[in-house]
Amino acid sequence: MNSNLRIELIISAFFIAAGLMGAGYFVGQTLYNSNVALNTADVKGLSEKRVMSDIAHWKIQYTVAGNEKSEVAALYAKSKIDQKKIIDLLIASGFTDDEIILGAVDYETYEYRNDNQKLIETKYFLVGAVEVETKNVQLVPKVRSKINALIAEGLDIKNTAPNYYFTELNTIKPDMLKEATQNARIAANEFAENAGVTVGGIRSASQGNFSILDVGESYGDDRKIEKHIRVVTAVTFYLTK
């Protein structure tokens, strides 16, 4: 055998041995990782809760209008009268001064023209708002229906839908996370029972976002007093024989 052929055989043998060693490492690593996976269970736990909103925000808009710019002063006086009627009704219905917010009065002008852009009419508007921000959320829908009675007195009112919010999420988070984790363990126990193993401690855990929605809705979180809160935790448990 000549020297060149011998060198080629030695080099080839070296690469084959190196390849086998590498293959052995990856096979062993795969078995090791697989063994870890077989000794854990990844499960999710759900916690749901219904709560009542603790803050309500409600806006009542009122408008007065005239056809002459000289009437603006009179319009402003009427606007103040309309504002007082709204406030008086709110106070008489159970709201306090601290819960009532008075907005600025906006002055607006609208011009109406024909097809030839000739000015036909100009109207002048004063638009104000009275807002209510309260923790007495149950009172809002009751009083809202009363406000409409002012329309019969000649007030031009826009009675907007109230917004309801739940702001005490931090007070219920711990209990909900605990419940979600307990439910995850229940799911893990069911899996373990079928697999003939036992659930041990927690290897890792993560929580999803808390979702707050109006009850009965798939989106939207500020139109109903009652809210539906939901959180899902993802937990990996150790399993033992």
C-alpha atoms as a PDB file:
ATOM      1  CA  MET A   1       0.000   0.000   0.000  1.00  0.00           C
ATOM      2  CA  ASN A   2       1.525   3.278  -0.980  1.00  0.00           C
ATOM      3  CA  SER A   3       1.848   6.153   1.476  1.00  0.00           C
ATOM      4  CA  ASN A   4      -0.770   8.379  -0.208  1.00  0.00           C
ATOM      5  CA  LEU A   5      -3.461   5.696   0.023  1.00  0.00           C
ATOM      6  CA  ARG A   6      -2.585   5.065   3.662  1.00  0.00           C
ATOM      7  CA  ILE A   7      -2.950   8.778   4.500  1.00  0.00           C
ATOM      8  CA  GLU A   8      -6.342   8.919   2.738  1.00  0.00           C
ATOM      9  CA  LEU A   9      -7.590   5.886   4.737  1.00  0.00           C
ATOM     10  CA  ILE A  10      -6.446   7.454   8.013  1.00  0.00           C
ATOM     11  CA  ILE A  11      -8.213  10.734   7.217  1.00  0.00           C
ATOM     12  CA  SER A  12     -11.402   8.909   6.194  1.00  0.00           C
ATOM     13  CA  ALA A  13     -11.354   6.835   9.402  1.00  0.00           C
ATOM     14  CA  PHE A  14     -10.924  10.019  11.460  1.00  0.00           C
ATOM     15  CA  PHE A  15     -13.988  11.699   9.909  1.00  0.00           C
ATOM     16  CA  ILE A  16     -16.103   8.543  10.292  1.00  0.00           C
ATOM     17  CA  ALA A  17     -15.174   8.308  13.977  1.00  0.00           C
ATOM     18  CA  ALA A  18     -15.896  12.008  14.488  1.00  0.00           C
ATOM     19  CA  GLY A  19     -19.244  11.592  12.783  1.00  0.00           C
ATOM     20  CA  LEU A  20     -20.182   8.664  15.000  1.00  0.00           C
ATOM     21  CA  MET A  21     -19.180  10.595  18.110  1.00  0.00           C
ATOM     22  CA  GLY A  22     -21.297  13.552  17.026  1.00  0.00           C
ATOM     23  CA  ALA A  23     -24.243  11.330  16.197  1.00  0.00           C
ATOM     24  CA  GLY A  24     -23.932   9.661  19.580  1.00  0.00           C
ATOM     25  CA  TYR A  25     -24.003  13.056  21.336  1.00  0.00           C
ATOM     26  CA  PHE A  26     -27.153  14.219  19.574  1.00  0.00           C
ATOM     27  CA  VAL A  27     -28.920  10.906  20.104  1.00  0.00           C
ATOM     28  CA  GLY A  28     -28.053  11.065  23.784  1.00  0.00           C
ATOM     29  CA  GLN A  29     -29.153  14.694  24.036  1.00  0.00           C
ATOM     30  CA  THR A  30     -32.434  13.890  22.294  1.00  0.00           C
ATOM     31  CA  LEU A  31     -33.106  11.039  24.714  1.00  0.00           C
ATOM     32  CA  TYR A  32     -32.251  13.274  27.655  1.00  0.00           C
ATOM     33  CA  ASN A  33     -34.582  16.051  26.476  1.00  0.00           C
ATOM     34  CA  SER A  34     -37.280  13.522  25.740  1.00  0.00           C
ATOM     35  CA  ASN A  35     -36.869  12.125  29.244  1.00  0.00           C
ATOM     36  CA  VAL A  36     -37.363  15.605  30.735  1.00  0.00           C
ATOM     37  CA  ALA A  37     -40.494  16.135  28.667  1.00  0.00           C
ATOM     38  CA  LEU A  38     -41.913  12.806  29.792  1.00  0.00           C
ATOM     39  CA  ASN A  39     -41.485  13.858  33.432  1.00  0.00           C
ATOM     40  CA  THR A  40     -43.482  17.096  33.150  1.00  0.00           C
ATOM     41  CA  ALA A  41     -46.988  18.110  32.208  1.00  0.00           C
ATOM     42  CA  ASP A  42     -47.920  21.432  30.618  1.00  0.00           C
ATOM     43  CA  VAL A  43     -51.460  22.431  31.556  1.00  0.00           C
ATOM     44  CA  LYS A  44     -53.602  25.562  31.709  1.00  0.00           C
ATOM     45  CA  GLY A  45     -55.885  26.725  34.481  1.00  0.00           C
ATOM     46  CA  LEU A  46     -58.824  29.104  34.146  1.00  0.00           C
ATOM     47  CA  SER A  47     -60.377  31.465  36.668  1.00  0.00           C
ATOM     48  CA  GLU A  48     -63.513  33.537  35.978  1.00  0.00           C
ATOM     49  CA  LYS A  49     -65.372  36.017  38.132  1.00  0.00           C
ATOM     50  CA  ARG A  50     -68.315  38.387  37.842  1.00  0.00           C
ATOM     51  CA  VAL A  51     -68.033  41.772  39.509  1.00  0.00           C
ATOM     52  CA  MET A  52     -69.936  45.021  39.647  1.00  0.00           C
ATOM     53  CA  SER A  53     -68.464  48.257  38.316  1.00  0.00           C
ATOM     54  CA  ASP A  54     -67.302  50.663  41.000  1.00  0.00           C
ATOM     55  CA  ILE A  55     -67.122  53.863  38.920  1.00  0.00           C
ATOM     56  CA  ALA A  56     -69.639  55.397  36.498  1.00  0.00           C
ATOM     57  CA  HIS A  57     -69.157  58.334  34.143  1.00  0.00           C
ATOM     58  CA  TRP A  58     -72.179  59.951  32.520  1.00  0.00           C
ATOM     59  CA  LYS A  59     -72.365  62.995  30.246  1.00  0.00           C
ATOM     60  CA  ILE A  60     -75.472  65.105  29.582  1.00  0.00           C
ATOM     61  CA  GLN A  61     -75.144  67.593  26.735  1.00  0.00           C
ATOM     62  CA  TYR A  62     -77.541  70.526  26.312  1.00  0.00           C
ATOM     63  CA  THR A  63     -77.891  72.961  23.402  1.00  0.00           C
ATOM     64  CA  VAL A  64     -79.589  76.324  22.827  1.00  0.00           C
ATOM     65  CA  ALA A  65     -79.862  77.912  19.366  1.00  0.00           C
ATOM     66  CA  GLY A  66     -80.859  81.207  17.738  1.00  0.00           C
ATOM     67  CA  ASN A  67     -80.984  82.830  14.306  1.00  0.00           C
ATOM     68  CA  GLU A  68     -79.479  86.220  15.156  1.00  0.00           C
ATOM     69  CA  LYS A  69     -76.020  87.006  16.446  1.00  0.00           C
ATOM     70  CA  SER A  70     -77.600  89.678  18.625  1.00  0.00           C
ATOM     71  CA  GLU A  71     -79.366  86.849  20.472  1.00  0.00           C
ATOM     72  CA  VAL A  72     -76.133  85.268  21.731  1.00  0.00           C
ATOM     73  CA  ALA A  73     -76.335  87.020  25.115  1.00  0.00           C
ATOM     74  CA  ALA A  74     -79.904  85.818  25.554  1.00  0.00           C
ATOM     75  CA  LEU A  75     -78.871  82.336  24.432  1.00  0.00           C
ATOM     76  CA  TYR A  76     -76.179  82.288  27.091  1.00  0.00           C
ATOM     77  CA  ALA A  77     -78.698  83.227  29.780  1.00  0.00           C
ATOM     78  CA  LYS A  78     -81.012  80.432  28.614  1.00  0.00           C
ATOM     79  CA  SER A  79     -78.070  78.032  28.572  1.00  0.00           C
ATOM     80  CA  LYS A  80     -77.407  78.790  32.256  1.00  0.00           C
ATOM     81  CA  ILE A  81     -81.067  78.172  33.072  1.00  0.00           C
ATOM     82  CA  ASP A  82     -81.028  74.821  31.275  1.00  0.00           C
ATOM     83  CA  GLN A  83     -77.816  73.867  33.063  1.00  0.00           C
ATOM     84  CA  LYS A  84     -79.373  74.660  36.447  1.00  0.00           C
ATOM     85  CA  LYS A  85     -82.429  72.522  35.659  1.00  0.00           C
ATOM     86  CA  ILE A  86     -80.179  69.560  34.929  1.00  0.00           C
ATOM     87  CA  ILE A  87     -78.111  70.086  38.085  1.00  0.00           C
ATOM     88  CA  ASP A  88     -81.219  70.513  40.259  1.00  0.00           C
ATOM     89  CA  LEU A  89     -82.634  67.234  38.977  1.00  0.00           C
ATOM     90  CA  LEU A  90     -79.345  65.419  39.622  1.00  0.00           C
ATOM     91  CA  ILE A  91     -79.101  66.774  43.173  1.00  0.00           C
ATOM     92  CA  ALA A  92     -82.754  65.973  43.906  1.00  0.00           C
ATOM     93  CA  SER A  93     -82.162  62.429  42.651  1.00  0.00           C
ATOM     94  CA  GLY A  94     -79.322  61.721  45.084  1.00  0.00           C
ATOM     95  CA  PHE A  95     -76.073  62.899  43.504  1.00  0.00           C
ATOM     96  CA  THR A  96     -73.792  65.286  45.385  1.00  0.00           C
ATOM     97  CA  ASP A  97     -72.038  68.451  44.242  1.00  0.00           C
ATOM     98  CA  ASP A  98     -68.710  66.607  44.317  1.00  0.00           C
ATOM     99  CA  GLU A  99     -70.016  64.084  41.789  1.00  0.00           C
ATOM    100  CA  ILE A 100     -71.169  66.740  39.302  1.00  0.00           C
ATOM    101  CA  ILE A 101     -68.702  68.277  36.836  1.00  0.00           C
ATOM    102  CA  LEU A 102     -69.609  71.383  34.822  1.00  0.00           C
ATOM    103  CA  GLY A 103     -68.051  71.635  31.380  1.00  0.00           C
ATOM    104  CA  ALA A 104     -67.324  74.763  29.346  1.00  0.00           C
ATOM    105  CA  VAL A 105     -69.988  76.153  27.002  1.00  0.00           C
ATOM    106  CA  ASP A 106     -68.929  76.021  23.348  1.00  0.00           C
ATOM    107  CA  TYR A 107     -70.058  78.683  20.872  1.00  0.00           C
ATOM    108  CA  GLU A 108     -70.698  77.425  17.325  1.00  0.00           C
ATOM    109  CA  THR A 109     -71.955  79.021  14.113  1.00  0.00           C
ATOM    110  CA  TYR A 110     -73.470  77.174  11.151  1.00  0.00           C
ATOM    111  CA  GLU A 111     -74.156  78.655   7.729  1.00  0.00           C
ATOM    112  CA  TYR A 112     -76.741  77.102   5.417  1.00  0.00           C
ATOM    113  CA  ARG A 113     -76.359  77.785   1.680  1.00  0.00           C
ATOM    114  CA  ASN A 114     -78.307  76.787  -1.429  1.00  0.00           C
ATOM    115  CA  ASP A 115     -76.910  75.025  -4.514  1.00  0.00           C
ATOM    116  CA  ASN A 116     -75.537  78.359  -5.765  1.00  0.00           C
ATOM    117  CA  GLN A 117     -73.723  78.858  -2.450  1.00  0.00           C
ATOM    118  CA  LYS A 118     -75.967  81.768  -1.546  1.00  0.00           C
ATOM    119  CA  LEU A 119     -76.292  82.203   2.199  1.00  0.00           C
ATOM    120  CA  ILE A 120     -79.811  81.279   3.237  1.00  0.00           C
ATOM    121  CA  GLU A 121     -79.609  81.153   7.002  1.00  0.00           C
ATOM    122  CA  THR A 122     -77.125  81.405   9.861  1.00  0.00           C
ATOM    123  CA  LYS A 123     -77.720  79.697  13.176  1.00  0.00           C
ATOM    124  CA  TYR A 124     -75.892  80.257  16.432  1.00  0.00           C
ATOM    125  CA  PHE A 125     -75.460  77.511  19.007  1.00  0.00           C
ATOM    126  CA  LEU A 126     -74.276  77.318  22.568  1.00  0.00           C
ATOM    127  CA  VAL A 127     -73.434  73.733  23.584  1.00  0.00           C
ATOM    128  CA  GLY A 128     -72.720  72.833  27.199  1.00  0.00           C
ATOM    129  CA  ALA A 129     -72.339  69.648  29.206  1.00  0.00           C
ATOM    130  CA  VAL A 130     -72.929  68.419  32.718  1.00  0.00           C
ATOM    131  CA  GLU A 131     -71.007  65.290  33.685  1.00  0.00           C
ATOM    132  CA  VAL A 132     -71.449  62.895  36.555  1.00  0.00           C
ATOM    133  CA  GLU A 133     -68.623  60.778  37.960  1.00  0.00           C
ATOM    134  CA  THR A 134     -69.758  58.613  40.835  1.00  0.00           C
ATOM    135  CA  LYS A 135     -69.183  55.414  42.789  1.00  0.00           C
ATOM    136  CA  ASN A 136     -72.946  55.113  43.212  1.00  0.00           C
ATOM    137  CA  VAL A 137     -73.188  53.272  39.899  1.00  0.00           C
ATOM    138  CA  GLN A 138     -76.632  51.803  40.534  1.00  0.00           C
ATOM    139  CA  LEU A 139     -78.120  55.299  40.772  1.00  0.00           C
ATOM    140  CA  VAL A 140     -77.035  56.321  37.275  1.00  0.00           C
ATOM    141  CA  PRO A 141     -79.506  54.256  35.178  1.00  0.00           C
ATOM    142  CA  LYS A 142     -82.360  55.249  37.489  1.00  0.00           C
ATOM    143  CA  VAL A 143     -81.697  58.973  37.141  1.00  0.00           C
ATOM    144  CA  ARG A 144     -80.902  58.754  33.446  1.00  0.00           C
ATOM    145  CA  SER A 145     -84.539  57.991  32.645  1.00  0.00           C
ATOM    146  CA  LYS A 146     -85.621  61.074  34.630  1.00  0.00           C
ATOM    147  CA  ILE A 147     -83.430  63.404  32.577  1.00  0.00           C
ATOM    148  CA  ASN A 148     -85.526  62.732  29.503  1.00  0.00           C
ATOM    149  CA  ALA A 149     -88.467  64.421  31.244  1.00  0.00           C
ATOM    150  CA  LEU A 150     -86.658  67.743  30.787  1.00  0.00           C
ATOM    151  CA  ILE A 151     -87.166  67.420  27.047  1.00  0.00           C
ATOM    152  CA  ALA A 152     -90.871  68.030  27.660  1.00  0.00           C
ATOM    153  CA  GLU A 153     -89.883  71.352  29.225  1.00  0.00           C
ATOM    154  CA  GLY A 154     -88.212  72.430  25.983  1.00  0.00           C
ATOM    155  CA  LEU A 155     -84.599  71.481  26.718  1.00  0.00           C
ATOM    156  CA  ASP A 156     -82.514  70.214  23.807  1.00  0.00           C
ATOM    157  CA  ILE A 157     -80.646  67.383  25.534  1.00  0.00           C
ATOM    158  CA  LYS A 158     -78.324  64.636  24.396  1.00  0.00           C
ATOM    159  CA  ASN A 159     -78.511  61.958  27.092  1.00  0.00           C
ATOM    160  CA  THR A 160     -75.394  59.924  26.309  1.00  0.00           C
ATOM    161  CA  ALA A 161     -74.917  56.322  27.431  1.00  0.00           C
ATOM    162  CA  PRO A 162     -72.975  56.086  30.706  1.00  0.00           C
ATOM    163  CA  ASN A 163     -69.592  54.381  30.946  1.00  0.00           C
ATOM    164  CA  TYR A 164     -69.046  51.862  33.728  1.00  0.00           C
ATOM    165  CA  TYR A 165     -65.610  50.792  34.964  1.00  0.00           C
ATOM    166  CA  PHE A 166     -64.168  48.259  37.379  1.00  0.00           C
ATOM    167  CA  THR A 167     -61.020  49.685  38.970  1.00  0.00           C
ATOM    168  CA  GLU A 168     -60.353  47.213  41.822  1.00  0.00           C
ATOM    169  CA  LEU A 169     -58.677  44.480  39.778  1.00  0.00           C
ATOM    170  CA  ASN A 170     -55.612  44.382  42.040  1.00  0.00           C
ATOM    171  CA  THR A 171     -57.777  43.383  45.012  1.00  0.00           C
ATOM    172  CA  ILE A 172     -59.022  40.198  43.334  1.00  0.00           C
ATOM    173  CA  LYS A 173     -55.921  39.241  41.321  1.00  0.00           C
ATOM    174  CA  PRO A 174     -54.281  37.053  44.014  1.00  0.00           C
ATOM    175  CA  ASP A 175     -57.389  34.917  44.605  1.00  0.00           C
ATOM    176  CA  MET A 176     -58.036  34.505  40.884  1.00  0.00           C
ATOM    177  CA  LEU A 177     -54.441  33.470  40.185  1.00  0.00           C
ATOM    178  CA  LYS A 178     -54.603  31.009  43.068  1.00  0.00           C
ATOM    179  CA  GLU A 179     -57.826  29.525  41.694  1.00  0.00           C
ATOM    180  CA  ALA A 180     -56.413  29.299  38.160  1.00  0.00           C
ATOM    181  CA  THR A 181     -53.321  27.481  39.461  1.00  0.00           C
ATOM    182  CA  GLN A 182     -55.488  25.085  41.473  1.00  0.00           C
ATOM    183  CA  ASN A 183     -57.541  24.346  38.368  1.00  0.00           C
ATOM    184  CA  ALA A 184     -54.330  23.724  36.452  1.00  0.00           C
ATOM    185  CA  ARG A 185     -53.306  21.149  39.076  1.00  0.00           C
ATOM    186  CA  ILE A 186     -56.693  19.445  38.752  1.00  0.00           C
ATOM    187  CA  ALA A 187     -56.113  19.144  35.009  1.00  0.00           C
ATOM    188  CA  ALA A 188     -52.592  17.819  35.634  1.00  0.00           C
ATOM    189  CA  ASN A 189     -53.942  15.232  38.096  1.00  0.00           C
ATOM    190  CA  GLU A 190     -56.390  13.953  35.479  1.00  0.00           C
ATOM    191  CA  PHE A 191     -53.543  13.617  32.986  1.00  0.00           C
ATOM    192  CA  ALA A 192     -51.304  11.927  35.569  1.00  0.00           C
ATOM    193  CA  GLU A 193     -53.998   9.442  36.584  1.00  0.00           C
ATOM    194  CA  ASN A 194     -54.365   8.286  32.983  1.00  0.00           C
ATOM    195  CA  ALA A 195     -50.591   8.069  32.605  1.00  0.00           C
ATOM    196  CA  GLY A 196     -50.044   6.209  35.889  1.00  0.00           C
ATOM    197  CA  VAL A 197     -47.867   8.920  37.423  1.00  0.00           C
ATOM    198  CA  THR A 198     -48.128  11.469  40.261  1.00  0.00           C
ATOM    199  CA  VAL A 199     -48.142  15.259  40.045  1.00  0.00           C
ATOM    200  CA  GLY A 200     -45.329  16.939  41.933  1.00  0.00           C
ATOM    201  CA  GLY A 201     -44.265  20.545  42.354  1.00  0.00           C
ATOM    202  CA  ILE A 202     -44.394  23.389  39.865  1.00  0.00           C
ATOM    203  CA  ARG A 203     -41.496  23.628  37.442  1.00  0.00           C
ATOM    204  CA  SER A 204     -42.612  26.918  35.858  1.00  0.00           C
ATOM    205  CA  ALA A 205     -45.724  29.067  35.615  1.00  0.00           C
ATOM    206  CA  SER A 206     -46.909  32.113  33.709  1.00  0.00           C
ATOM    207  CA  GLN A 207     -50.112  34.113  33.690  1.00  0.00           C
ATOM    208  CA  GLY A 208     -51.996  35.543  30.751  1.00  0.00           C
ATOM    209  CA  ASN A 209     -53.581  38.974  30.699  1.00  0.00           C
ATOM    210  CA  PHE A 210     -56.665  39.644  32.775  1.00  0.00           C
ATOM    211  CA  SER A 211     -59.609  40.398  30.479  1.00  0.00           C
ATOM    212  CA  ILE A 212     -62.519  42.556  31.638  1.00  0.00           C
ATOM    213  CA  LEU A 213     -65.623  42.516  29.443  1.00  0.00           C
ATOM    214  CA  ASP A 214     -69.235  43.508  29.837  1.00  0.00           C
ATOM    215  CA  VAL A 215     -71.240  40.453  30.849  1.00  0.00           C
ATOM    216  CA  GLY A 216     -72.644  38.708  27.784  1.00  0.00           C
ATOM    217  CA  GLU A 217     -70.347  40.544  25.368  1.00  0.00           C
ATOM    218  CA  SER A 218     -67.381  39.285  23.348  1.00  0.00           C
ATOM    219  CA  TYR A 219     -65.893  42.796  23.202  1.00  0.00           C
ATOM    220  CA  GLY A 220     -66.494  46.097  24.962  1.00  0.00           C
ATOM    221  CA  ASP A 221     -65.893  46.799  28.617  1.00  0.00           C
ATOM    222  CA  ASP A 222     -67.653  50.036  29.589  1.00  0.00           C
ATOM    223  CA  ARG A 223     -71.374  49.836  28.747  1.00  0.00           C
ATOM    224  CA  LYS A 224     -72.704  47.486  31.435  1.00  0.00           C
ATOM    225  CA  ILE A 225     -72.482  47.645  35.195  1.00  0.00           C
ATOM    226  CA  GLU A 226     -71.743  43.925  35.563  1.00  0.00           C
ATOM    227  CA  LYS A 227     -68.351  42.743  34.291  1.00  0.00           C
ATOM    228  CA  HIS A 228     -66.885  39.341  33.465  1.00  0.00           C
ATOM    229  CA  ILE A 229     -63.226  38.917  34.436  1.00  0.00           C
ATOM    230  CA  ARG A 230     -61.093  36.057  33.119  1.00  0.00           C
ATOM    231  CA  VAL A 231     -57.481  34.924  33.418  1.00  0.00           C
ATOM    232  CA  VAL A 232     -55.609  31.819  32.236  1.00  0.00           C
ATOM    233  CA  THR A 233     -52.394  30.511  33.781  1.00  0.00           C
ATOM    234  CA  ALA A 234     -49.957  28.154  32.033  1.00  0.00           C
ATOM    235  CA  VAL A 235     -48.248  25.799  34.509  1.00  0.00           C
ATOM    236  CA  THR A 236     -45.641  23.055  34.063  1.00  0.00           C
ATOM    237  CA  PHE A 237     -45.763  20.399  36.805  1.00  0.00           C
ATOM    238  CA  TYR A 238     -43.184  17.728  37.577  1.00  0.00           C
ATOM    239  CA  LEU A 239     -44.429  14.143  37.282  1.00  0.00           C
ATOM    240  CA  THR A 240     -43.130  11.235  39.302  1.00  0.00           C
ATOM    241  CA  LYS A 241     -43.643   7.489  39.074  1.00  0.00           C
END
